[in-house]
Protein backbone atom coordinates (compact mmCIF):
# COMPACT_ATOMS: atom_id res chain seq x y z
CA MET A 1 -88.67 146.13 -84.01
CA MET A 2 -91.33 148.72 -83.18
CA ARG A 3 -94.08 148.51 -85.76
CA ALA A 4 -95.10 151.62 -87.66
CA PRO A 5 -98.79 152.20 -87.06
CA VAL A 6 -101.44 152.83 -89.66
CA CYS A 7 -103.21 156.17 -89.22
CA LEU A 8 -106.78 155.92 -88.03
CA SER A 9 -109.42 158.60 -87.63
CA PHE A 10 -111.02 159.01 -84.20
CA ALA A 11 -114.17 157.25 -85.45
CA ALA A 12 -112.17 154.30 -86.68
CA VAL A 13 -110.19 154.14 -83.45
CA LEU A 14 -113.50 153.75 -81.62
CA ALA A 15 -114.50 151.00 -84.05
CA THR A 16 -111.21 149.14 -83.63
CA ALA A 17 -110.40 150.06 -80.06
CA GLY A 18 -107.18 148.67 -78.72
CA LEU A 19 -105.79 147.60 -82.07
CA LEU A 20 -103.52 150.50 -82.95
CA PRO A 21 -102.32 153.84 -81.65
CA ILE A 22 -103.04 157.02 -83.56
CA CYS A 23 -100.02 157.97 -85.61
CA GLY A 24 -98.40 161.33 -86.00
CA ALA A 25 -96.27 160.85 -89.08
CA SER A 26 -95.99 163.72 -91.51
CA ALA A 27 -98.37 163.32 -94.45
CA GLN A 28 -95.82 165.07 -96.66
CA ASP A 29 -93.49 162.09 -96.24
CA ALA A 30 -96.12 159.40 -96.79
CA TYR A 31 -98.62 158.00 -99.24
CA THR A 32 -101.93 159.21 -97.82
CA VAL A 33 -104.80 156.84 -98.62
CA GLY A 34 -108.34 157.41 -97.38
CA VAL A 35 -111.07 154.88 -96.62
CA THR A 36 -114.77 155.36 -96.00
CA ALA A 37 -116.16 152.03 -94.83
CA ALA A 38 -118.95 150.42 -92.86
CA MET A 39 -116.78 149.56 -89.87
CA THR A 40 -119.89 149.46 -87.67
CA GLY A 41 -123.60 149.23 -88.40
CA PRO A 42 -125.66 146.91 -90.61
CA ALA A 43 -123.00 146.39 -93.31
CA SER A 44 -120.06 145.85 -90.97
CA ALA A 45 -120.28 142.04 -90.99
CA THR A 46 -119.16 142.03 -94.62
CA GLN A 47 -117.13 145.22 -94.88
CA ALA A 48 -115.20 145.62 -91.62
CA PRO A 49 -113.22 142.37 -92.00
CA VAL A 50 -111.96 143.56 -95.41
CA ILE A 51 -110.67 146.88 -94.14
CA GLU A 52 -109.24 145.35 -90.96
CA MET A 53 -107.15 142.92 -93.00
CA LEU A 54 -106.11 145.73 -95.34
CA ARG A 55 -104.99 147.64 -92.24
CA ILE A 56 -102.93 144.66 -91.08
CA TYR A 57 -101.31 144.34 -94.51
CA VAL A 58 -100.44 148.05 -94.60
CA ASP A 59 -99.09 147.87 -91.07
CA ARG A 60 -96.77 145.07 -92.18
CA LEU A 61 -95.60 147.14 -95.15
CA ASN A 62 -94.88 150.12 -92.90
CA ALA A 63 -92.96 147.94 -90.46
CA LYS A 64 -90.69 146.98 -93.35
CA GLY A 65 -90.10 150.58 -94.44
CA GLY A 66 -93.20 151.29 -96.47
CA ILE A 67 -93.22 151.60 -100.27
CA ASN A 68 -90.36 153.22 -102.16
CA GLY A 69 -88.97 154.29 -98.79
CA HIS A 70 -92.20 156.03 -97.70
CA ARG A 71 -94.81 154.81 -95.24
CA ILE A 72 -98.53 154.61 -95.96
CA ASN A 73 -100.95 156.72 -93.92
CA LEU A 74 -104.20 154.75 -94.09
CA LEU A 75 -106.97 157.03 -92.85
CA ILE A 76 -110.06 154.96 -92.02
CA GLU A 77 -113.41 156.71 -91.52
CA ASP A 78 -116.50 154.79 -90.38
CA ASP A 79 -119.61 155.62 -92.42
CA GLN A 80 -121.92 152.98 -90.85
CA ALA A 81 -123.31 152.43 -94.40
CA GLU A 82 -125.07 155.81 -94.18
CA PRO A 83 -124.82 158.01 -97.31
CA SER A 84 -124.59 161.26 -95.36
CA LYS A 85 -121.69 159.98 -93.26
CA ALA A 86 -119.94 158.59 -96.33
CA ALA A 87 -120.32 161.98 -98.01
CA ALA A 88 -118.81 163.77 -95.02
CA ASN A 89 -115.96 161.25 -94.87
CA ALA A 90 -115.16 161.65 -98.55
CA THR A 91 -115.20 165.43 -98.27
CA LYS A 92 -112.81 165.34 -95.30
CA LEU A 93 -110.44 162.85 -96.90
CA VAL A 94 -110.27 164.57 -100.28
CA ARG A 95 -110.37 168.23 -99.26
CA GLN A 96 -108.62 168.23 -95.88
CA GLU A 97 -106.36 165.18 -95.91
CA ASN A 98 -105.45 165.48 -99.62
CA VAL A 99 -105.49 161.72 -100.17
CA VAL A 100 -103.98 160.40 -103.39
CA LEU A 101 -106.41 157.48 -103.38
CA LEU A 102 -109.87 157.00 -101.88
CA ILE A 103 -111.35 153.58 -101.01
CA ASN A 104 -115.04 152.81 -100.50
CA SER A 105 -116.11 149.64 -98.67
CA SER A 106 -119.78 150.08 -97.82
CA PHE A 107 -123.32 149.69 -99.16
CA SER A 108 -124.00 150.92 -102.69
CA SER A 109 -126.33 153.54 -101.21
CA THR A 110 -123.17 155.46 -100.22
CA TYR A 111 -121.70 155.49 -103.71
CA GLY A 112 -123.37 158.60 -105.18
CA PRO A 113 -121.89 161.23 -102.85
CA VAL A 114 -118.51 159.50 -102.61
CA ILE A 115 -118.17 159.28 -106.38
CA ALA A 116 -119.18 162.92 -106.70
CA GLU A 117 -116.50 164.02 -104.24
CA ALA A 118 -113.80 161.88 -105.86
CA LYS A 119 -114.60 163.37 -109.24
CA ARG A 120 -114.62 166.89 -107.86
CA GLY A 121 -111.13 166.38 -106.48
CA GLN A 122 -109.95 164.21 -109.42
CA VAL A 123 -108.93 161.50 -106.95
CA PRO A 124 -109.14 157.82 -107.99
CA LEU A 125 -111.85 155.89 -106.14
CA TRP A 126 -111.41 152.16 -105.55
CA PHE A 127 -114.23 149.86 -104.38
CA ALA A 128 -112.60 147.15 -102.25
CA GLY A 129 -114.83 144.55 -100.66
CA ALA A 130 -117.90 146.53 -101.77
CA VAL A 131 -119.99 145.65 -104.80
CA CYS A 132 -118.65 147.05 -108.08
CA PRO A 133 -120.59 149.93 -109.68
CA LYS A 134 -121.32 149.76 -113.40
CA GLU A 135 -119.01 152.72 -114.04
CA THR A 136 -116.02 150.43 -113.48
CA HIS A 137 -117.12 148.09 -116.26
CA PRO A 138 -115.78 147.83 -119.79
CA PRO A 139 -115.90 148.79 -122.60
CA LYS A 140 -115.48 152.35 -121.30
CA ALA A 141 -114.77 152.52 -117.59
CA ASP A 142 -114.88 155.84 -115.77
CA PRO A 143 -111.25 157.05 -115.66
CA LEU A 144 -111.34 157.49 -111.87
CA LEU A 145 -113.36 154.46 -110.70
CA PHE A 146 -111.92 150.96 -110.03
CA CYS A 147 -113.15 147.77 -108.35
CA SER A 148 -111.40 144.62 -107.12
CA THR A 149 -114.20 142.97 -105.14
CA GLY A 150 -114.80 139.31 -105.92
CA PHE A 151 -118.50 139.74 -106.65
CA ASP A 152 -120.06 141.83 -109.42
CA PHE A 153 -123.73 141.80 -110.36
CA SER A 154 -123.21 142.04 -114.13
CA VAL A 155 -121.12 138.84 -114.17
CA ASP A 156 -122.49 137.04 -111.10
CA ILE A 157 -126.17 137.07 -112.06
CA PRO A 158 -125.90 135.37 -115.48
CA VAL A 159 -123.57 132.72 -114.00
CA ALA A 160 -125.95 132.04 -111.11
CA ILE A 161 -129.16 131.87 -113.12
CA LYS A 162 -127.62 129.64 -115.79
CA ALA A 163 -126.26 127.37 -113.05
CA ILE A 164 -129.72 127.02 -111.50
CA LYS A 165 -131.17 126.17 -114.91
CA GLU A 166 -128.50 123.49 -115.41
CA MET A 167 -128.94 121.99 -111.93
CA ALA A 168 -132.75 122.02 -111.86
CA LYS A 169 -134.50 118.70 -112.45
CA GLY A 170 -137.80 120.22 -113.46
CA PRO A 171 -139.66 123.53 -113.80
CA VAL A 172 -138.12 126.26 -111.64
CA LYS A 173 -140.12 128.62 -109.46
CA LEU A 174 -137.69 131.13 -108.02
CA GLY A 175 -137.82 132.96 -104.74
CA LEU A 176 -135.36 135.86 -104.96
CA VAL A 177 -133.72 137.58 -101.98
CA GLY A 178 -132.03 140.98 -101.83
CA ILE A 179 -131.75 144.04 -99.63
CA PRO A 180 -133.18 147.51 -100.38
CA VAL A 181 -130.00 149.15 -101.72
CA PRO A 182 -129.44 150.03 -105.39
CA ILE A 183 -127.11 147.30 -106.63
CA SER A 184 -128.82 144.46 -104.77
CA ARG A 185 -132.12 145.60 -106.29
CA ILE A 186 -130.55 145.75 -109.75
CA GLY A 187 -129.08 142.29 -109.27
CA VAL A 188 -132.35 140.72 -108.17
CA ASP A 189 -134.34 142.45 -110.93
CA THR A 190 -131.76 141.30 -113.49
CA ALA A 191 -132.00 137.75 -112.16
CA GLU A 192 -135.78 137.82 -112.62
CA LYS A 193 -135.50 139.00 -116.24
CA LEU A 194 -132.76 136.53 -117.15
CA ALA A 195 -134.61 133.66 -115.49
CA ALA A 196 -137.66 134.42 -117.62
CA THR A 197 -135.61 134.15 -120.82
CA LEU A 198 -134.55 130.67 -119.72
CA GLY A 199 -138.09 129.53 -118.99
CA MET A 200 -137.96 129.94 -115.22
CA GLU A 201 -140.67 131.70 -113.22
CA THR A 202 -140.03 134.14 -110.39
CA VAL A 203 -142.82 133.70 -107.86
CA ASP A 204 -141.56 136.10 -105.16
CA LYS A 205 -138.96 138.80 -104.57
CA GLU A 206 -138.04 139.89 -101.06
CA PHE A 207 -135.93 142.97 -100.30
CA ILE A 208 -135.12 142.54 -96.63
CA PRO A 209 -133.90 145.50 -94.54
CA PRO A 210 -130.38 144.88 -93.19
CA THR A 211 -131.67 145.76 -89.72
CA ALA A 212 -134.33 143.02 -89.78
CA ALA A 213 -134.41 141.04 -86.54
CA ASP A 214 -136.74 138.29 -87.76
CA TYR A 215 -136.45 136.77 -91.24
CA THR A 216 -139.44 134.49 -90.79
CA PRO A 217 -142.04 136.78 -92.43
CA PHE A 218 -139.90 137.12 -95.57
CA ALA A 219 -139.17 133.41 -95.70
CA ASN A 220 -142.85 132.65 -95.24
CA LYS A 221 -143.74 134.75 -98.29
CA ILE A 222 -141.21 132.84 -100.40
CA LYS A 223 -142.49 129.48 -99.18
CA SER A 224 -146.14 130.46 -99.56
CA ALA A 225 -145.53 131.62 -103.13
CA GLY A 226 -144.52 128.08 -104.04
CA ALA A 227 -140.82 128.67 -104.70
CA ASN A 228 -138.85 125.47 -105.29
CA TRP A 229 -135.49 127.25 -105.71
CA GLY A 230 -134.03 130.16 -103.79
CA TYR A 231 -131.46 132.63 -105.06
CA ALA A 232 -130.01 135.41 -102.91
CA TYR A 233 -127.91 138.38 -104.01
CA ALA A 234 -127.25 140.32 -100.85
CA PRO A 235 -124.72 140.59 -98.00
CA TRP A 236 -124.14 137.26 -96.26
CA PRO A 237 -126.36 137.86 -93.19
CA ALA A 238 -129.44 138.35 -95.40
CA GLU A 239 -128.52 135.38 -97.59
CA ALA A 240 -127.90 132.94 -94.75
CA LYS A 241 -130.61 134.07 -92.33
CA THR A 242 -133.28 133.86 -95.02
CA PHE A 243 -132.18 130.32 -95.87
CA GLU A 244 -132.21 129.27 -92.21
CA ALA A 245 -135.67 130.80 -91.74
CA LEU A 246 -136.92 128.86 -94.77
CA ARG A 247 -135.60 125.61 -93.32
CA ARG A 248 -137.29 126.30 -89.97
CA LEU A 249 -140.56 126.65 -91.88
CA GLY A 250 -140.05 123.23 -93.47
CA TRP A 251 -139.04 124.45 -96.95
CA THR A 252 -136.83 121.80 -98.57
CA GLY A 253 -135.70 123.35 -101.84
CA PRO A 254 -132.13 124.11 -102.98
CA TYR A 255 -130.82 127.64 -102.49
CA LEU A 256 -127.94 129.41 -104.23
CA ALA A 257 -126.10 132.44 -102.82
CA TYR A 258 -122.91 134.33 -103.47
CA GLY A 259 -120.19 133.08 -101.12
CA HIS A 260 -119.09 136.17 -99.23
CA ILE A 261 -116.14 136.17 -96.82
CA GLN A 262 -118.13 134.28 -94.16
CA ALA A 263 -119.12 131.41 -96.47
CA GLU A 264 -116.45 128.85 -95.64
CA ASP A 265 -117.19 128.86 -91.92
CA GLU A 266 -120.92 129.31 -92.36
CA LEU A 267 -121.39 126.40 -94.75
CA ALA A 268 -119.85 124.14 -92.12
CA ARG A 269 -121.91 125.68 -89.31
CA ILE A 270 -125.23 125.40 -91.16
CA GLY A 271 -124.36 121.92 -92.44
CA ASP A 272 -127.09 121.74 -95.06
CA PRO A 273 -126.24 120.39 -98.54
CA GLY A 274 -129.10 122.39 -100.04
CA LEU A 275 -127.26 125.63 -99.39
CA GLN A 276 -124.93 126.15 -102.33
CA VAL A 277 -122.57 129.05 -102.89
CA PHE A 278 -120.55 130.29 -105.81
CA MET A 279 -117.61 132.57 -105.17
CA ALA A 280 -114.56 134.21 -106.68
CA ASN A 281 -112.11 133.53 -103.84
CA SER A 282 -110.56 130.19 -102.92
CA LEU A 283 -111.23 128.60 -99.53
CA PHE A 284 -108.67 128.15 -96.77
CA GLN A 285 -109.25 124.42 -96.92
CA ASP A 286 -107.06 124.53 -100.06
CA ASN A 287 -104.13 125.25 -97.73
CA LEU A 288 -102.25 127.39 -100.26
CA PRO A 289 -99.13 129.28 -99.14
CA VAL A 290 -101.12 132.53 -99.29
CA HIS A 291 -103.65 131.10 -96.83
CA LYS A 292 -100.88 130.31 -94.36
CA GLU A 293 -99.51 133.82 -94.80
CA ILE A 294 -102.92 135.30 -94.01
CA ARG A 295 -103.35 133.08 -90.96
CA ASP A 296 -99.94 134.06 -89.65
CA ALA A 297 -100.63 137.76 -90.20
CA ALA A 298 -104.04 137.51 -88.53
CA ALA A 299 -102.79 135.78 -85.37
CA GLY A 300 -103.38 138.05 -82.39
CA LYS A 301 -104.18 141.06 -84.58
CA TYR A 302 -107.42 140.28 -86.41
CA GLN A 303 -110.72 140.33 -84.56
CA PHE A 304 -112.36 138.06 -87.14
CA PRO A 305 -111.67 134.49 -88.24
CA ALA A 306 -108.63 134.35 -90.54
CA THR A 307 -110.91 132.80 -93.19
CA TYR A 308 -112.58 136.21 -93.54
CA GLY A 309 -109.30 137.78 -94.62
CA THR A 310 -108.79 136.92 -98.29
CA GLU A 311 -110.55 139.97 -99.77
CA GLY A 312 -108.69 142.37 -97.48
CA TRP A 313 -105.35 140.64 -98.06
CA LEU A 314 -105.85 140.84 -101.82
CA SER A 315 -106.68 144.53 -101.40
CA GLY A 316 -103.38 145.01 -99.57
CA ARG A 317 -101.43 143.35 -102.37
CA ILE A 318 -103.23 145.53 -104.93
CA LEU A 319 -102.40 148.67 -102.95
CA GLU A 320 -98.77 147.60 -102.70
CA GLN A 321 -98.50 147.15 -106.46
CA ILE A 322 -100.28 150.43 -107.18
CA LEU A 323 -98.04 152.51 -104.93
CA THR A 324 -94.87 150.73 -106.06
CA LYS A 325 -95.71 151.61 -109.65
CA THR A 326 -96.70 155.15 -108.69
CA GLY A 327 -93.23 155.90 -107.34
CA TRP A 328 -92.36 159.00 -105.35
CA PRO A 329 -93.47 161.75 -105.06
CA ALA A 330 -97.03 160.56 -105.40
CA SER A 331 -100.05 162.36 -106.82
CA ALA A 332 -103.63 161.35 -107.52
CA GLU A 333 -102.89 161.56 -111.23
CA LYS A 334 -99.91 159.22 -110.98
CA VAL A 335 -101.87 156.77 -108.82
CA THR A 336 -104.68 156.73 -111.41
CA ALA A 337 -102.19 155.93 -114.16
CA ALA A 338 -100.70 153.08 -112.10
CA MET A 339 -104.16 151.65 -111.43
CA SER A 340 -105.03 151.66 -115.12
CA SER A 341 -102.37 149.04 -115.85
CA LEU A 342 -102.73 146.67 -112.90
CA ASN A 343 -101.75 143.04 -113.47
CA LEU A 344 -101.71 141.22 -110.15
CA ASP A 345 -100.82 137.60 -109.48
CA THR A 346 -103.51 136.63 -106.96
CA GLN A 347 -101.42 133.68 -105.69
CA GLY A 348 -104.40 131.35 -105.90
CA ILE A 349 -106.89 133.56 -104.06
CA ARG A 350 -108.61 133.92 -107.43
CA GLY A 351 -108.55 131.59 -110.43
CA GLY A 352 -106.14 133.84 -112.29
CA ALA A 353 -104.57 137.30 -112.41
CA LEU A 354 -106.52 140.45 -111.60
CA VAL A 355 -106.04 142.78 -114.57
CA TRP A 356 -107.16 146.38 -114.99
CA THR A 357 -106.73 148.23 -118.27
CA ALA A 358 -107.50 151.77 -119.43
CA GLU A 359 -110.94 150.63 -120.63
CA ASN A 360 -111.69 147.98 -117.98
CA HIS A 361 -111.44 148.85 -114.28
CA LEU A 362 -113.28 145.70 -113.17
CA ARG A 363 -111.22 142.72 -114.45
CA THR A 364 -110.61 141.12 -117.80
CA LYS A 365 -111.57 137.65 -116.56
CA GLN A 366 -113.71 136.46 -113.67
CA TYR A 367 -113.41 133.04 -112.04
CA TYR A 368 -115.95 131.17 -109.90
CA ARG A 369 -116.02 128.01 -107.84
CA PHE A 370 -119.20 126.33 -106.49
CA TYR A 371 -119.38 124.69 -103.05
CA HIS A 372 -121.77 123.08 -100.61
CA TYR A 373 -121.60 121.05 -97.40
CA ASP A 374 -121.40 117.27 -97.75
CA PRO A 375 -122.91 115.57 -94.65
CA GLU A 376 -121.30 112.21 -95.46
CA ARG A 377 -117.81 113.71 -95.66
CA LYS A 378 -118.64 116.21 -92.92
CA SER A 379 -116.89 118.97 -94.82
CA VAL A 380 -117.38 121.69 -97.40
CA VAL A 381 -116.78 120.25 -100.86
CA ARG A 382 -116.26 121.73 -104.28
CA LEU A 383 -119.12 121.18 -106.71
CA ARG A 384 -117.40 122.86 -109.64
CA ASP A 385 -113.83 124.05 -110.15
CA TRP A 386 -112.86 127.41 -111.57
CA LEU A 387 -115.34 128.60 -114.19
CA GLU A 388 -113.63 131.24 -116.33
CA VAL A 389 -115.76 134.09 -117.69
CA ASP A 390 -114.53 136.80 -120.07
CA VAL A 391 -115.53 140.26 -118.84
CA THR A 392 -116.21 142.41 -121.88
CA ASP A 393 -119.15 144.61 -120.93
């Protein structure tokens, strides 16, 4: 069977050269969904794998006839995590392509102009694989903004700081790591304030540019400040490279980071039990049926390790449910209504269902697992099973 291709913009074709042909299907006969994402540039390590797996999922749907008898035109525009490019992409997708749904998967610095364009066109905007903005949170979510990404600063930070307090064997002096974009800054600043309420001292905060070539100067500041715990809330490259730089300097303290899509492979590569991660998605070592399905789908089509694919695969399943509920013909208004009553079985990728309501476009419950590398077992091991957190504000 000839597979029905996903539509890609010229910029995205350059970013994913050789993966797919450009399609010529009529938009009038399809669900047109737009994406502005960091397919290249400093954020691509975290964002591109999500959108590439979403593309694969959509391609599979189209090969089987699409949704409700209509294919999905997935228009992917590369913004390189630059606000001006994201703004231009959003304008093109909303005003020229008339998308019924817009997806953002990039740094939070791109959010302002993309949100503004979505609101101007009254098109729902979904953050997939990108950090969730506060406007998606309960008790009164913005009617047009939604987020499915595993991590969220308002829930992640309290869980992380409380976990450090529980694990610490003495007074805690924190070295905090972020990058200079809005939500990472908010997360790190929130961590500092919450840590103080629990009797922990923050001795240094480093906001490391994503383009940094050498993490040693930042690690040296953390070490010199006397930090005995590290906590990072940033994309994985900044989290991991700062930890590795600290170790090269002889720092021996424990270090907690959010487990982004690279975490499973990276924990094994780094092989240091002091690097601990907490994360919302299960690991492939669980060997669930959904993990096999992702591996099979990725074979020969995915330019990243299959273990990077859970967030993108979950995004594909969300999109499938949204469009199935939307029906045909589709409109932005109907898509928004379908999104406001999402209840998705995550098939073990998360600790429970992903639920959106009219007031909560984030999730009603969040689930976390904690992991680190065990040198004796020579494998990544679970430190704590699913921790369930009610998401109410």
